[in-house]
Protein backbone atom coordinates (compact mmCIF):
# COMPACT_ATOMS: atom_id res chain seq x y z
CA MET A 1 -3.54 25.46 49.95
CA ASP A 2 -1.53 22.74 48.20
CA VAL A 3 -2.41 21.11 44.90
CA ASP A 4 -0.27 19.28 42.34
CA VAL A 5 -1.11 21.43 39.31
CA VAL A 6 -3.02 24.64 38.65
CA ILE A 7 -4.42 25.19 35.15
CA GLY A 8 -5.41 28.72 34.26
CA GLY A 9 -8.25 28.49 31.74
CA GLY A 10 -10.94 25.84 31.48
CA GLY A 11 -11.68 25.86 27.76
CA VAL A 12 -10.61 23.13 25.35
CA ALA A 13 -6.88 23.44 26.15
CA GLY A 14 -7.42 23.55 29.92
CA ALA A 15 -9.92 20.69 30.00
CA VAL A 16 -7.84 18.28 27.90
CA THR A 17 -4.71 19.13 29.90
CA ALA A 18 -6.57 18.34 33.14
CA LEU A 19 -7.78 15.07 31.64
CA ALA A 20 -4.25 14.15 30.57
CA LEU A 21 -2.56 14.99 33.88
CA GLN A 22 -5.12 13.18 36.03
CA GLN A 23 -4.08 10.02 34.19
CA LEU A 24 -0.75 10.39 36.04
CA GLY A 25 -2.53 10.75 39.38
CA TYR A 26 -2.06 14.51 39.67
CA GLN A 27 -4.58 16.53 41.67
CA THR A 28 -5.46 19.36 39.33
CA LEU A 29 -7.20 22.67 39.96
CA VAL A 30 -8.73 24.32 36.88
CA VAL A 31 -9.41 28.06 37.17
CA GLU A 32 -12.19 28.99 34.75
CA PRO A 33 -13.27 32.65 34.28
CA GLY A 34 -16.33 31.82 32.17
CA LEU A 35 -17.01 32.87 28.58
CA ASN A 36 -19.99 33.92 26.50
CA ASP A 37 -20.07 31.39 23.65
CA ASP A 38 -23.16 32.71 21.87
CA ARG A 39 -21.36 35.08 19.45
CA ARG A 40 -17.86 33.65 19.81
CA LEU A 41 -16.34 32.04 16.73
CA ALA A 42 -13.72 29.43 17.60
CA GLY A 43 -12.42 26.03 16.51
CA GLU A 44 -15.04 23.44 15.56
CA LEU A 45 -13.07 20.92 13.55
CA LEU A 46 -10.81 18.16 14.83
CA HIS A 47 -8.39 16.47 12.44
CA PRO A 48 -7.86 12.69 12.88
CA PRO A 49 -4.87 13.09 15.26
CA GLY A 50 -7.08 15.17 17.55
CA VAL A 51 -9.85 12.58 17.43
CA ALA A 52 -7.34 9.83 18.25
CA GLY A 53 -6.09 11.97 21.15
CA LEU A 54 -9.60 12.24 22.58
CA ALA A 55 -9.89 8.47 22.39
CA GLU A 56 -6.60 8.17 24.29
CA LEU A 57 -7.99 10.48 26.97
CA GLY A 58 -11.14 8.38 27.24
CA VAL A 59 -13.59 11.12 26.23
CA LEU A 60 -14.25 10.42 22.55
CA ASP A 61 -17.71 8.95 23.20
CA ALA A 62 -18.78 12.17 24.92
CA LEU A 63 -17.68 14.23 21.90
CA THR A 64 -19.21 12.01 19.21
CA ARG A 65 -22.74 12.15 20.62
CA HIS A 66 -25.42 13.87 18.54
CA PRO A 67 -25.18 16.37 16.86
CA ALA A 68 -21.45 15.76 16.19
CA ILE A 69 -20.65 14.70 12.65
CA PRO A 70 -17.66 12.81 11.19
CA VAL A 71 -15.62 14.50 8.47
CA LYS A 72 -13.84 12.39 5.86
CA GLY A 73 -11.56 15.13 4.52
CA PHE A 74 -11.75 18.23 2.34
CA CYS A 75 -12.64 19.12 -1.22
CA VAL A 76 -10.89 22.03 -2.90
CA LEU A 77 -12.77 23.90 -5.60
CA ASP A 78 -11.04 26.48 -7.77
CA ALA A 79 -13.21 29.16 -9.38
CA ASP A 80 -11.20 28.71 -12.60
CA ASP A 81 -11.65 24.93 -12.72
CA PRO A 82 -15.02 23.24 -11.98
CA LYS A 83 -13.34 19.89 -11.22
CA GLN A 84 -13.07 19.25 -7.47
CA ILE A 85 -9.85 18.12 -5.81
CA ARG A 86 -10.59 15.64 -3.06
CA LEU A 87 -8.21 15.34 -0.09
CA PRO A 88 -9.46 12.35 1.96
CA TYR A 89 -8.12 11.80 5.45
CA ASP A 90 -7.83 8.05 4.85
CA ALA A 91 -5.12 8.69 2.26
CA VAL A 92 -2.75 9.14 5.21
CA ARG A 93 -1.62 5.88 6.83
CA ALA A 94 -1.17 7.53 10.23
CA HIS A 95 -4.87 8.49 10.35
CA SER A 96 -6.78 5.82 12.27
CA THR A 97 -10.11 7.73 12.40
CA PRO A 98 -12.01 10.33 10.37
CA GLY A 99 -12.14 13.92 11.54
CA LEU A 100 -14.88 15.29 13.76
CA SER A 101 -16.91 18.48 13.66
CA LEU A 102 -19.20 20.06 16.24
CA GLU A 103 -20.11 23.56 17.39
CA HIS A 104 -17.36 24.98 19.59
CA LYS A 105 -19.78 25.71 22.42
CA LEU A 106 -20.71 22.03 22.65
CA ILE A 107 -17.12 20.84 22.36
CA ARG A 108 -16.11 23.12 25.21
CA GLN A 109 -19.05 22.14 27.42
CA ARG A 110 -18.58 18.42 26.88
CA LEU A 111 -14.84 18.47 27.55
CA MET A 112 -15.28 20.57 30.68
CA GLN A 113 -17.96 18.21 31.97
CA ALA A 114 -15.75 15.20 31.23
CA ALA A 115 -12.94 16.83 33.25
CA LYS A 116 -15.29 17.69 36.13
CA ASP A 117 -16.37 14.06 36.29
CA ARG A 118 -12.81 12.96 37.08
CA PRO A 119 -12.21 12.64 40.85
CA LEU A 120 -8.75 14.27 40.75
CA VAL A 121 -9.93 17.40 38.88
CA LYS A 122 -11.51 20.36 40.65
CA PHE A 123 -12.88 23.48 38.97
CA VAL A 124 -12.97 26.97 40.45
CA GLU A 125 -15.39 28.91 38.25
CA ASN A 126 -15.84 32.64 37.72
CA ALA A 127 -12.25 33.18 38.87
CA ARG A 128 -8.89 34.10 37.34
CA VAL A 129 -5.20 33.66 38.07
CA THR A 130 -4.12 37.14 39.16
CA HIS A 131 -0.56 36.62 40.43
CA VAL A 132 2.30 34.15 39.96
CA ASP A 133 5.26 33.88 42.34
CA GLN A 134 8.25 31.71 41.38
CA SER A 135 10.70 33.05 43.97
CA ASP A 136 10.95 29.60 45.59
CA ARG A 137 12.46 27.09 43.14
CA SER A 138 10.69 24.18 44.84
CA HIS A 139 7.18 25.27 43.82
CA VAL A 140 5.11 28.06 42.26
CA THR A 141 2.56 30.08 44.22
CA VAL A 142 -0.56 31.08 42.31
CA GLN A 143 -3.16 33.59 43.45
CA VAL A 144 -6.70 32.84 42.28
CA THR A 145 -9.21 35.68 42.58
CA GLY A 146 -12.97 35.21 42.40
CA PRO A 147 -15.87 37.65 42.82
CA GLU A 148 -15.47 37.79 46.61
CA THR A 149 -12.27 36.01 47.66
CA ALA A 150 -8.61 35.57 46.72
CA THR A 151 -6.88 32.28 47.51
CA GLN A 152 -3.24 31.30 47.15
CA TYR A 153 -2.31 27.83 45.94
CA ARG A 154 1.11 26.22 46.09
CA CYS A 155 1.69 23.74 43.25
CA GLN A 156 4.39 21.84 41.41
CA PHE A 157 3.73 23.70 38.18
CA LEU A 158 1.26 26.07 36.53
CA VAL A 159 -0.28 25.54 33.10
CA ALA A 160 -1.28 28.63 31.12
CA ALA A 161 -4.30 27.63 29.02
CA ASP A 162 -5.90 31.07 28.99
CA GLY A 163 -5.76 31.79 25.26
CA ALA A 164 -3.94 34.10 22.90
CA SER A 165 -4.16 37.13 25.22
CA SER A 166 -2.84 35.08 28.16
CA ALA A 167 -2.42 37.02 31.41
CA ILE A 168 -0.48 34.12 32.95
CA ARG A 169 2.09 34.37 30.18
CA ARG A 170 2.61 38.00 31.17
CA PHE A 171 2.83 37.17 34.89
CA ALA A 172 5.54 34.61 34.08
CA GLY A 173 7.55 37.25 32.23
CA ILE A 174 7.29 35.55 28.84
CA GLY A 175 7.48 37.92 25.89
CA VAL A 176 5.29 37.51 22.84
CA ARG A 177 5.09 38.54 19.22
CA ASN A 178 1.52 39.54 18.39
CA ARG A 179 0.48 40.52 14.87
CA ARG A 180 -3.10 41.09 13.78
CA ILE A 181 -3.74 39.45 10.43
CA ALA A 182 -7.48 39.14 9.76
CA THR A 183 -11.09 39.11 10.91
CA ILE A 184 -13.11 35.95 10.37
CA PHE A 185 -16.88 36.16 9.91
CA GLY A 186 -18.92 32.98 10.36
CA TYR A 187 -22.49 32.04 9.47
CA ARG A 188 -24.67 28.93 9.60
CA VAL A 189 -25.74 27.72 6.17
CA PRO A 190 -27.81 24.72 5.04
CA ILE A 191 -25.66 21.62 4.64
CA SER A 192 -26.88 21.48 1.03
CA ALA A 193 -24.27 24.20 0.36
CA LEU A 194 -21.71 21.38 0.52
CA PRO A 195 -21.36 19.21 -2.63
CA ASP A 196 -20.60 16.27 -0.29
CA ARG A 197 -21.80 16.57 3.31
CA ASP A 198 -19.09 14.17 4.50
CA TYR A 199 -16.36 16.58 3.39
CA GLY A 200 -15.44 20.14 4.20
CA LEU A 201 -15.06 22.50 1.25
CA VAL A 202 -12.34 25.05 0.49
CA LEU A 203 -13.35 27.51 -2.22
CA ILE A 204 -10.50 29.47 -3.80
CA GLY A 205 -10.38 32.03 -6.55
CA GLY A 206 -11.58 35.10 -4.68
CA ARG A 207 -9.44 37.48 -2.71
CA THR A 208 -9.20 34.91 0.10
CA PRO A 209 -10.35 31.28 0.44
CA VAL A 210 -13.82 30.52 1.79
CA LEU A 211 -14.13 27.53 4.13
CA ILE A 212 -17.33 25.52 4.64
CA TYR A 213 -17.60 22.46 6.88
CA PRO A 214 -20.50 20.55 8.48
CA ILE A 215 -21.29 21.17 12.15
CA ASN A 216 -24.37 18.90 12.41
CA GLU A 217 -26.61 16.82 10.18
CA SER A 218 -28.47 19.80 8.73
CA GLU A 219 -26.11 22.78 8.99
CA ALA A 220 -22.63 23.80 7.95
CA ARG A 221 -20.41 26.68 9.03
CA ILE A 222 -19.12 29.07 6.39
CA MET A 223 -16.12 31.24 7.27
CA PHE A 224 -14.98 34.37 5.45
CA ASP A 225 -11.43 35.64 5.83
CA ILE A 226 -11.18 39.46 5.71
CA PRO A 227 -7.50 40.56 5.78
CA TYR A 228 -6.62 43.20 8.35
CA ASP A 229 -6.70 46.78 7.09
CA ALA A 230 -5.82 49.49 9.61
CA ASP A 231 -7.83 52.08 7.65
CA ARG A 232 -11.23 50.37 7.63
CA LYS A 233 -13.45 48.09 9.65
CA PRO A 234 -14.60 44.83 8.00
CA THR A 235 -18.34 44.39 7.37
CA SER A 236 -20.74 41.87 5.91
CA GLU A 237 -20.27 43.61 2.55
CA ASP A 238 -16.79 42.09 2.44
CA CYS A 239 -18.40 38.66 2.77
CA LEU A 240 -20.78 39.36 -0.10
CA LYS A 241 -17.84 40.33 -2.32
CA LEU A 242 -16.22 36.97 -1.60
CA VAL A 243 -19.51 35.17 -2.28
CA ALA A 244 -19.59 36.74 -5.75
CA SER A 245 -16.59 34.60 -6.75
CA LEU A 246 -18.24 31.32 -5.67
CA PRO A 247 -20.09 28.85 -7.94
CA SER A 248 -23.71 29.85 -8.52
CA SER A 249 -25.03 26.70 -6.81
CA VAL A 250 -23.22 27.65 -3.59
CA ARG A 251 -23.96 31.36 -3.93
CA ARG A 252 -27.74 30.81 -3.97
CA GLU A 253 -27.56 29.12 -0.56
CA ILE A 254 -25.31 31.70 1.06
CA GLU A 255 -26.40 35.18 -0.02
CA PRO A 256 -29.76 35.13 1.87
CA VAL A 257 -27.99 33.93 5.03
CA ILE A 258 -25.57 36.87 5.06
CA ALA A 259 -28.45 39.30 4.58
CA THR A 260 -30.57 37.96 7.45
CA GLN A 261 -28.44 36.06 9.98
CA PRO A 262 -26.42 37.61 12.85
CA GLN A 263 -22.77 36.92 12.19
CA MET A 264 -20.23 35.40 14.52
CA SER A 265 -16.75 36.84 14.34
CA ALA A 266 -13.20 36.45 15.57
CA VAL A 267 -10.25 38.81 15.32
CA ILE A 268 -7.29 36.71 14.24
CA HIS A 269 -3.78 37.37 15.51
CA GLU A 270 -0.59 35.48 14.85
CA VAL A 271 0.76 35.04 18.35
CA ALA A 272 4.04 33.33 19.20
CA ALA A 273 5.39 33.25 22.73
CA GLN A 274 9.15 33.72 22.89
CA GLN A 275 9.34 30.81 25.33
CA LEU A 276 7.05 27.82 25.75
CA THR A 277 8.11 27.44 29.39
CA SER A 278 9.50 29.67 32.14
CA GLY A 279 10.56 28.06 35.40
CA ARG A 280 7.53 26.06 36.53
CA VAL A 281 5.08 27.72 34.13
CA VAL A 282 4.22 26.03 30.82
CA LEU A 283 2.06 27.38 27.99
CA VAL A 284 -0.41 25.19 26.09
CA GLY A 285 -2.82 25.83 23.24
CA ASP A 286 -3.33 29.39 22.04
CA ALA A 287 -1.37 30.81 24.97
CA ALA A 288 1.75 29.45 23.26
CA VAL A 289 1.02 29.84 19.55
CA THR A 290 -1.89 30.93 17.37
CA CYS A 291 -1.97 31.31 13.62
CA HIS A 292 -4.44 31.80 10.80
CA PRO A 293 -7.27 29.20 10.97
CA LEU A 294 -6.97 28.23 7.29
CA THR A 295 -5.34 24.94 8.33
CA ALA A 296 -7.89 24.39 11.16
CA THR A 297 -5.18 22.99 13.43
CA GLY A 298 -5.89 24.89 16.67
CA MET A 299 -8.10 22.34 18.42
CA THR A 300 -6.01 19.37 17.33
CA LEU A 301 -2.81 21.00 18.62
CA CYS A 302 -4.46 21.72 21.99
CA ILE A 303 -4.97 17.99 22.44
CA THR A 304 -1.48 17.17 21.20
CA ASP A 305 0.01 19.71 23.63
CA ALA A 306 -1.78 18.05 26.53
CA LEU A 307 -0.63 14.56 25.58
CA LEU A 308 2.97 15.68 25.04
CA LEU A 309 2.96 17.39 28.45
CA ARG A 310 1.61 14.24 30.10
CA ASP A 311 4.27 12.09 28.44
CA ALA A 312 7.11 14.48 29.33
CA ILE A 313 6.02 14.55 32.97
CA ALA A 314 5.84 10.75 32.99
CA ASP A 315 9.37 10.53 31.53
CA ARG A 316 10.93 13.02 34.00
CA ARG A 317 8.62 12.70 36.99
CA HIS A 318 11.49 13.12 39.47
CA ASP A 319 12.20 16.68 38.21
CA VAL A 320 9.41 19.00 37.05
CA ARG A 321 11.78 21.54 35.51
CA GLN A 322 13.46 18.84 33.43
CA ALA A 323 10.04 17.54 32.39
CA LEU A 324 8.89 20.97 31.21
CA GLU A 325 12.14 21.45 29.29
CA LEU A 326 11.65 18.07 27.62
CA HIS A 327 8.10 19.11 26.74
CA ARG A 328 9.42 22.32 25.19
CA GLN A 329 11.92 20.42 23.05
CA ARG A 330 9.29 17.97 21.79
CA ARG A 331 6.82 20.72 20.92
CA ARG A 332 9.08 23.33 19.40
CA TRP A 333 9.38 22.03 15.84
CA ARG A 334 5.68 21.19 15.65
CA GLN A 335 4.92 24.82 16.50
CA VAL A 336 7.41 26.14 13.94
CA THR A 337 5.96 23.84 11.26
CA ARG A 338 2.41 24.90 12.09
CA LEU A 339 3.18 28.62 11.95
CA SER A 340 5.19 28.29 8.74
CA LEU A 341 2.56 26.16 6.98
CA ALA A 342 -0.32 28.49 7.86
CA GLU A 343 1.56 31.59 6.68
CA THR A 344 2.77 29.91 3.49
CA LEU A 345 -0.71 28.69 2.51
CA ARG A 346 -2.25 32.06 3.20
CA ASP A 347 0.44 33.79 1.12
CA VAL A 348 -0.15 31.40 -1.76
CA PHE A 349 -3.96 31.53 -1.74
CA CYS A 350 -4.48 35.19 -0.82
CA SER A 351 -1.73 37.13 -2.54
CA GLY A 352 -2.23 38.86 -5.87
CA ASP A 353 1.47 38.54 -6.65
CA GLU A 354 1.97 36.76 -9.99
CA ASN A 355 4.81 34.61 -8.67
CA LEU A 356 2.55 33.30 -5.91
CA ARG A 357 -0.22 32.71 -8.44
CA ILE A 358 2.20 30.40 -10.25
CA VAL A 359 2.82 28.58 -6.97
CA ARG A 360 -0.94 28.32 -6.37
CA ARG A 361 -1.35 26.61 -9.73
CA GLY A 362 1.51 24.32 -8.72
CA VAL A 363 -0.22 23.44 -5.42
CA LEU A 364 -3.43 22.50 -7.24
CA ARG A 365 -1.48 20.54 -9.84
CA TYR A 366 0.30 18.67 -7.04
CA TRP A 367 -2.94 17.92 -5.18
CA ARG A 368 -4.40 16.47 -8.37
CA SER A 369 -1.51 14.00 -8.55
CA SER A 370 -1.61 10.68 -6.72
CA SER A 371 1.24 11.61 -4.35
CA GLY A 372 -0.04 15.04 -3.35
CA PRO A 373 -2.96 14.38 -0.96
CA PRO A 374 -1.23 11.96 1.47
CA ALA A 375 1.89 14.07 2.06
CA SER A 376 0.06 17.39 2.20
CA LEU A 377 -2.74 16.09 4.42
CA ALA A 378 -0.25 14.62 6.88
CA LEU A 379 1.11 18.14 7.39
CA LEU A 380 -2.28 19.87 7.33
CA SER A 381 -3.74 17.49 9.91
CA THR A 382 -0.58 17.72 12.14
CA ALA A 383 0.03 13.96 11.79
CA ASP A 384 3.46 15.02 10.46
CA GLY A 385 4.95 17.92 12.41
CA ARG A 386 8.47 17.75 10.98
CA LEU A 387 9.88 20.98 9.60
CA LEU A 388 11.94 19.01 7.08
CA ALA A 389 8.73 17.46 5.71
CA LEU A 390 7.27 20.95 5.19
CA ILE A 391 10.38 22.15 3.35
CA ARG A 392 10.35 19.01 1.18
CA GLU A 393 6.66 19.53 0.36
CA PHE A 394 7.24 23.14 -0.61
CA ALA A 395 10.13 22.14 -2.88
CA THR A 396 7.88 19.52 -4.51
CA VAL A 397 5.18 22.15 -5.07
CA LEU A 398 7.74 24.42 -6.74
CA MET A 399 8.71 21.58 -9.07
CA HIS A 400 5.05 21.12 -10.03
CA SER A 401 4.81 24.89 -10.53
CA LEU A 402 7.81 24.79 -12.84
CA VAL A 403 6.42 21.87 -14.86
CA GLY A 404 3.09 23.66 -15.16
CA GLU A 405 4.72 26.86 -16.40
CA LEU A 406 6.78 24.93 -18.97
CA SER A 407 3.58 23.32 -20.22
CA ARG A 408 1.83 26.68 -20.44
CA TRP A 409 4.84 28.14 -22.24
CA LYS A 410 4.90 25.36 -24.84
CA GLN A 411 1.20 25.77 -25.54
CA ALA A 412 1.48 29.53 -26.08
CA ARG A 413 1.27 30.62 -29.69
CA LYS A 414 4.25 32.92 -29.33
CA ARG A 415 7.12 31.62 -27.27
CA GLN A 416 8.59 34.29 -25.07
CA ASN A 417 11.87 33.21 -23.53
CA TRP A 418 12.03 36.30 -21.39
CA ALA A 419 8.61 35.52 -19.85
CA LEU A 420 9.65 31.98 -18.97
CA GLY A 421 12.89 33.22 -17.49
CA GLU A 422 10.95 35.76 -15.45
CA SER A 423 8.73 32.97 -14.08
CA LEU A 424 11.76 30.89 -13.12
CA TYR A 425 13.32 33.86 -11.37
CA GLY A 426 10.03 34.50 -9.58
CA LEU A 427 9.85 30.90 -8.30
CA ALA A 428 13.41 31.15 -7.00
CA SER A 429 12.46 34.39 -5.21
CA VAL A 430 9.42 32.71 -3.64
CA LEU A 431 11.59 29.84 -2.39
CA ALA A 432 14.12 32.24 -0.87
CA HIS A 433 11.32 34.26 0.79
CA GLN A 434 9.69 31.17 2.32
CA LEU A 435 13.00 29.89 3.66
CA ARG A 436 13.57 33.28 5.30
CA GLN A 437 10.09 33.08 6.85
CA ILE A 438 10.80 29.62 8.24
CA ARG A 439 14.12 30.79 9.67
CA GLY A 440 12.29 33.67 11.33
CA LYS A 441 9.75 31.27 12.88
CA CYS A 442 12.62 29.10 14.20
CA ARG A 443 14.07 32.14 15.96
CA LEU A 444 10.66 33.19 17.21
CA VAL A 445 9.63 29.92 18.87
CA SER A 446 12.28 28.73 21.30
């Protein structure tokens, strides 16, 4: 059977890619295996670029229906400083809308239904892509296997939207770097746990940050980050230890929930495919890159991937291989920036290393300044995907770290030149380490 495009995976990435490609007049077949969403913890927050992307695809109204809730930005609360740091989305000129939050199950269902309603999109449910043949350069042959039948489809190209453990990626012969980094536990808590229900909240000061964001008018999601330890399995006790470092007003709302509510969980891997395309196969969403959810960029990047693929196909419609190569080039640095930013933030906020503690104080000092929120939020929301912007931001943070340490040194009763020199050496070491990490990400994502 012939079809223009086959998309393996009908979740958020698959649905938005189908919506984007049908705008070009492509007949698209979406192969959806089906998932159990009841205990599955996945992305629920869209940054403003993702919301704008949904509007461009013509499905924003479907996503903003009740019980979806707009998000104006984030507040950061340090256990050592009761004064909140507010990072509003509207500080960034490129943001034309607020963010959006909704349970992942509803986001997935609404996007899939929106795609099914398009006349050029067809879904094959309870089925998987089980074989990929690229021996003929003029097309790719895809075998789709359901409970009772197997059907072969011949298409112009195949989109792998089947998540971090992508089977299609393997069928296409694309290697991957896969590193387990954490387990995330999630609970529903009363929205009163948020100081401002229009903003998400990042609580730092414990072993790892705790993230809380609204998911409807009465509830918020709280997420606990438990770093991977090969010698032990994470439990709810780890969550309670993190709660102990939170302000008492927040702790009172959360402790009973952990004791009584079934938890949702997700095992977090940093996954980076060695290639974003191979022949007529292209990876989108988590099949290409996944990272720690501290930056909450996964859903937004799924939408961006789909729009970039649509635009590349439109620009090189006469040659699919050229179009996919153009798509790879346009995406690559965004992926490198995303991976590098997530790893850097997690290092800074989770490490017990004293040099990184100095950098953490510098980050908070920078965010309290008038210039900090716009530049940082542009990177965190993916509005700015330039690697150079990330490097510049990190250098600025180091300058704020240095100024902060000089101030602390001057206020000390006994001036210790050796201690100040040690701090300066430590900051230089942190800079060198982060540059090496970025260089490694550049080599990893090609």
